[in-house]
Structures are given as C-alpha cells and as structure tokens.
Amino acid sequence: MPAWLRGRGGQPEAYCHRAILDAIRYLVDNGIKWRAMPADFPPWDRVYAFFRRWRDTAWSGSSTTGCADRSAKRWAVTRQRRPV
C-alpha cells in the first residue's frame, strides 16, 4: 500500500503503475519510439520518467557487481562439473 494511503505523507501517483508497466511492455514488444506511444496509455514523458527512475535505481551501484560475481561463480561451478 502506498505511503500516502497509510497517512505517512507523500503525493498520490498521477497514473496507475499497471498502466505505466503495460505501456513499457507495449513499447518493448512493438519496437516503437517513446513519442509514438498510443493515447490509451499515460503520456510518453511520464512513462519514460518512470522507466528512467526504475532503471537508475535497479542498475546503480553494487547490483551490477553482484550480478557479475554471481555469473563468475556460476561459470566456475559449471567448469568444475564437466568431465575431463
């Protein structure tokens, strides 16, 4: 539940996250440009801002390093299991 519904302050979201995620999926699936977003979805600049905010938090800092470490460990384990 959003913080603003629990009385903890903040501003309500202007657009439903489901509609924004559907717009991002539509963009990826159909290969359109951001500005060519159909009118059924929220405005393209709001969808892009949501995407950019997610991208910057999801891929920042140590999360990419953690992925690289996991990949290296997985590769090492796979190499050990192969028969000689």
N, C-alpha and C. Protein backbone atom coordinates (compact mmCIF):
# COMPACT_ATOMS: atom_id res chain seq x y z
N MET A 1 0.85 -1.17 0.00
CA MET A 1 0.00 0.00 0.00
C MET A 1 0.90 1.24 0.00
N PRO A 2 0.60 2.23 -0.84
CA PRO A 2 1.41 3.44 -0.89
C PRO A 2 1.40 4.18 0.45
N ALA A 3 2.47 4.91 0.72
CA ALA A 3 2.61 5.62 1.99
C ALA A 3 1.52 6.67 2.16
N TRP A 4 1.12 7.30 1.07
CA TRP A 4 0.11 8.36 1.20
C TRP A 4 -1.24 7.81 1.61
N LEU A 5 -1.53 6.54 1.31
CA LEU A 5 -2.78 5.93 1.75
C LEU A 5 -2.73 5.55 3.23
N ARG A 6 -1.53 5.32 3.74
CA ARG A 6 -1.38 4.96 5.14
C ARG A 6 -1.23 6.19 6.03
N GLY A 7 -1.36 7.39 5.47
CA GLY A 7 -1.27 8.61 6.25
C GLY A 7 0.15 9.01 6.59
N ARG A 8 1.12 8.55 5.81
CA ARG A 8 2.52 8.85 6.10
C ARG A 8 3.06 9.95 5.20
N GLY A 9 2.19 10.68 4.55
CA GLY A 9 2.64 11.77 3.70
C GLY A 9 2.90 11.33 2.28
N GLY A 10 3.42 12.25 1.51
CA GLY A 10 3.70 11.96 0.12
C GLY A 10 2.56 12.39 -0.77
N GLN A 11 2.81 12.33 -2.04
CA GLN A 11 1.81 12.75 -3.02
C GLN A 11 1.30 11.53 -3.77
N PRO A 12 0.01 11.44 -4.00
CA PRO A 12 -0.51 10.29 -4.74
C PRO A 12 0.04 10.26 -6.16
N GLU A 13 0.24 9.08 -6.67
CA GLU A 13 0.71 8.92 -8.04
C GLU A 13 -0.36 9.42 -9.00
N ALA A 14 0.07 10.05 -10.06
CA ALA A 14 -0.87 10.59 -11.04
C ALA A 14 -1.42 9.48 -11.94
N TYR A 15 -0.61 8.44 -12.18
CA TYR A 15 -1.02 7.36 -13.08
C TYR A 15 -0.81 6.02 -12.40
N CYS A 16 -1.65 5.09 -12.75
CA CYS A 16 -1.57 3.74 -12.21
C CYS A 16 -0.29 3.06 -12.70
N HIS A 17 0.42 2.40 -11.78
CA HIS A 17 1.65 1.72 -12.17
C HIS A 17 1.38 0.61 -13.18
N ARG A 18 0.23 -0.01 -13.08
CA ARG A 18 -0.11 -1.07 -14.03
C ARG A 18 -0.18 -0.51 -15.45
N ALA A 19 -0.79 0.68 -15.61
CA ALA A 19 -0.89 1.29 -16.93
C ALA A 19 0.49 1.68 -17.45
N ILE A 20 1.37 2.13 -16.56
CA ILE A 20 2.72 2.52 -16.98
C ILE A 20 3.51 1.28 -17.40
N LEU A 21 3.41 0.21 -16.62
CA LEU A 21 4.12 -1.02 -16.99
C LEU A 21 3.58 -1.62 -18.28
N ASP A 22 2.28 -1.54 -18.48
CA ASP A 22 1.70 -2.01 -19.74
C ASP A 22 2.23 -1.19 -20.91
N ALA A 23 2.41 0.11 -20.71
CA ALA A 23 2.94 0.97 -21.76
C ALA A 23 4.38 0.59 -22.08
N ILE A 24 5.18 0.30 -21.05
CA ILE A 24 6.58 -0.09 -21.27
C ILE A 24 6.63 -1.43 -22.01
N ARG A 25 5.78 -2.37 -21.60
CA ARG A 25 5.73 -3.66 -22.31
C ARG A 25 5.33 -3.48 -23.76
N TYR A 26 4.36 -2.62 -24.02
CA TYR A 26 3.92 -2.35 -25.38
C TYR A 26 5.07 -1.77 -26.21
N LEU A 27 5.80 -0.85 -25.62
CA LEU A 27 6.93 -0.23 -26.30
C LEU A 27 7.99 -1.26 -26.68
N VAL A 28 8.32 -2.13 -25.72
CA VAL A 28 9.34 -3.15 -25.96
C VAL A 28 8.85 -4.17 -26.99
N ASP A 29 7.61 -4.59 -26.87
CA ASP A 29 7.07 -5.62 -27.76
C ASP A 29 6.95 -5.14 -29.20
N ASN A 30 6.54 -3.89 -29.39
CA ASN A 30 6.29 -3.39 -30.74
C ASN A 30 7.43 -2.57 -31.32
N GLY A 31 8.43 -2.27 -30.52
CA GLY A 31 9.59 -1.55 -31.01
C GLY A 31 9.30 -0.13 -31.47
N ILE A 32 8.36 0.54 -30.81
CA ILE A 32 8.04 1.90 -31.21
C ILE A 32 8.93 2.88 -30.45
N LYS A 33 8.89 4.12 -30.85
CA LYS A 33 9.62 5.17 -30.15
C LYS A 33 8.76 5.68 -29.00
N TRP A 34 9.42 6.30 -28.00
CA TRP A 34 8.70 6.79 -26.83
C TRP A 34 7.58 7.75 -27.23
N ARG A 35 7.87 8.63 -28.16
CA ARG A 35 6.88 9.66 -28.54
C ARG A 35 5.74 9.10 -29.37
N ALA A 36 5.85 7.87 -29.83
CA ALA A 36 4.79 7.26 -30.63
C ALA A 36 3.85 6.41 -29.77
N MET A 37 3.88 6.63 -28.47
CA MET A 37 3.03 5.87 -27.55
C MET A 37 1.55 6.16 -27.85
N PRO A 38 0.72 5.13 -27.97
CA PRO A 38 -0.71 5.35 -28.23
C PRO A 38 -1.38 6.15 -27.11
N ALA A 39 -2.46 6.79 -27.44
CA ALA A 39 -3.17 7.64 -26.49
C ALA A 39 -3.85 6.84 -25.38
N ASP A 40 -3.96 5.52 -25.53
CA ASP A 40 -4.57 4.69 -24.49
C ASP A 40 -3.72 4.62 -23.23
N PHE A 41 -2.43 4.91 -23.35
CA PHE A 41 -1.51 4.85 -22.23
C PHE A 41 -1.29 6.24 -21.65
N PRO A 42 -0.67 6.32 -20.47
CA PRO A 42 -0.31 7.64 -19.94
C PRO A 42 0.63 8.36 -20.90
N PRO A 43 0.81 9.67 -20.75
CA PRO A 43 1.70 10.41 -21.64
C PRO A 43 3.11 9.81 -21.67
N TRP A 44 3.73 9.84 -22.84
CA TRP A 44 5.02 9.18 -23.02
C TRP A 44 6.08 9.71 -22.07
N ASP A 45 6.06 11.02 -21.76
CA ASP A 45 7.10 11.56 -20.90
C ASP A 45 6.96 11.05 -19.46
N ARG A 46 5.74 10.77 -19.01
CA ARG A 46 5.54 10.21 -17.67
C ARG A 46 5.98 8.75 -17.64
N VAL A 47 5.69 8.02 -18.72
CA VAL A 47 6.11 6.62 -18.80
C VAL A 47 7.63 6.54 -18.84
N TYR A 48 8.25 7.43 -19.61
CA TYR A 48 9.71 7.44 -19.71
C TYR A 48 10.35 7.83 -18.38
N ALA A 49 9.75 8.79 -17.67
CA ALA A 49 10.29 9.19 -16.37
C ALA A 49 10.23 8.02 -15.38
N PHE A 50 9.13 7.28 -15.39
CA PHE A 50 9.01 6.11 -14.52
C PHE A 50 10.07 5.08 -14.88
N PHE A 51 10.22 4.81 -16.19
CA PHE A 51 11.22 3.84 -16.65
C PHE A 51 12.62 4.28 -16.26
N ARG A 52 12.95 5.56 -16.46
CA ARG A 52 14.27 6.07 -16.15
C ARG A 52 14.55 5.97 -14.64
N ARG A 53 13.55 6.27 -13.82
CA ARG A 53 13.71 6.17 -12.36
C ARG A 53 13.96 4.72 -11.96
N TRP A 54 13.24 3.79 -12.56
CA TRP A 54 13.44 2.38 -12.27
C TRP A 54 14.82 1.92 -12.73
N ARG A 55 15.21 2.32 -13.94
CA ARG A 55 16.50 1.92 -14.50
C ARG A 55 17.65 2.41 -13.63
N ASP A 56 17.56 3.65 -13.19
CA ASP A 56 18.65 4.22 -12.41
C ASP A 56 18.76 3.59 -11.02
N THR A 57 17.65 3.17 -10.43
CA THR A 57 17.74 2.54 -9.12
C THR A 57 18.05 1.06 -9.22
N ALA A 58 17.56 0.41 -10.25
CA ALA A 58 17.77 -1.04 -10.38
C ALA A 58 19.20 -1.37 -10.80
N TRP A 59 19.83 -0.53 -11.58
CA TRP A 59 21.15 -0.83 -12.12
C TRP A 59 22.26 -0.01 -11.49
N SER A 60 21.99 0.68 -10.39
CA SER A 60 23.02 1.53 -9.80
C SER A 60 23.89 0.75 -8.83
N GLY A 61 25.09 1.21 -8.70
CA GLY A 61 26.00 0.72 -7.65
C GLY A 61 26.35 -0.73 -7.72
N SER A 62 26.20 -1.41 -6.59
CA SER A 62 26.72 -2.75 -6.43
C SER A 62 25.83 -3.83 -7.04
N SER A 63 24.64 -3.48 -7.50
CA SER A 63 23.78 -4.53 -8.03
C SER A 63 24.38 -5.14 -9.29
N THR A 64 25.04 -4.34 -10.13
CA THR A 64 25.65 -4.91 -11.33
C THR A 64 26.89 -5.71 -10.95
N THR A 65 27.61 -5.26 -9.93
CA THR A 65 28.77 -6.00 -9.46
C THR A 65 28.33 -7.35 -8.91
N GLY A 66 27.22 -7.37 -8.19
CA GLY A 66 26.70 -8.62 -7.66
C GLY A 66 26.33 -9.58 -8.77
N CYS A 67 25.75 -9.08 -9.84
CA CYS A 67 25.40 -9.93 -10.98
C CYS A 67 26.65 -10.52 -11.60
N ALA A 68 27.70 -9.71 -11.74
CA ALA A 68 28.94 -10.19 -12.33
C ALA A 68 29.57 -11.26 -11.43
N ASP A 69 29.53 -11.04 -10.13
CA ASP A 69 30.08 -12.02 -9.20
C ASP A 69 29.32 -13.34 -9.29
N ARG A 70 28.00 -13.27 -9.34
CA ARG A 70 27.20 -14.49 -9.44
C ARG A 70 27.50 -15.22 -10.75
N SER A 71 27.65 -14.48 -11.83
CA SER A 71 27.94 -15.10 -13.12
C SER A 71 29.29 -15.80 -13.09
N ALA A 72 30.28 -15.15 -12.48
CA ALA A 72 31.61 -15.75 -12.41
C ALA A 72 31.58 -17.02 -11.56
N LYS A 73 30.87 -16.99 -10.43
CA LYS A 73 30.77 -18.17 -9.58
C LYS A 73 30.04 -19.30 -10.29
N ARG A 74 28.96 -18.95 -11.00
CA ARG A 74 28.20 -19.96 -11.73
C ARG A 74 29.07 -20.61 -12.81
N TRP A 75 29.86 -19.80 -13.50
CA TRP A 75 30.75 -20.31 -14.54
C TRP A 75 31.80 -21.24 -13.94
N ALA A 76 32.36 -20.86 -12.78
CA ALA A 76 33.38 -21.68 -12.14
C ALA A 76 32.80 -23.03 -11.72
N VAL A 77 31.60 -23.04 -11.18
CA VAL A 77 30.97 -24.30 -10.77
C VAL A 77 30.71 -25.17 -11.99
N THR A 78 30.25 -24.58 -13.06
CA THR A 78 29.98 -25.33 -14.29
C THR A 78 31.26 -25.94 -14.83
N ARG A 79 32.35 -25.19 -14.78
CA ARG A 79 33.62 -25.71 -15.27
C ARG A 79 34.10 -26.90 -14.45
N GLN A 80 33.82 -26.89 -13.14
CA GLN A 80 34.27 -27.97 -12.28
C GLN A 80 33.49 -29.25 -12.54
N ARG A 81 32.25 -29.16 -12.94
CA ARG A 81 31.40 -30.33 -13.12
C ARG A 81 31.66 -31.07 -14.43
N ARG A 82 32.29 -30.42 -15.37
CA ARG A 82 32.50 -31.07 -16.67
C ARG A 82 33.47 -32.23 -16.56
N PRO A 83 33.13 -33.33 -17.23
CA PRO A 83 34.06 -34.46 -17.20
C PRO A 83 35.30 -34.16 -18.03
N VAL A 84 36.40 -34.71 -17.59
CA VAL A 84 37.69 -34.45 -18.28
C VAL A 84 37.91 -35.44 -19.39
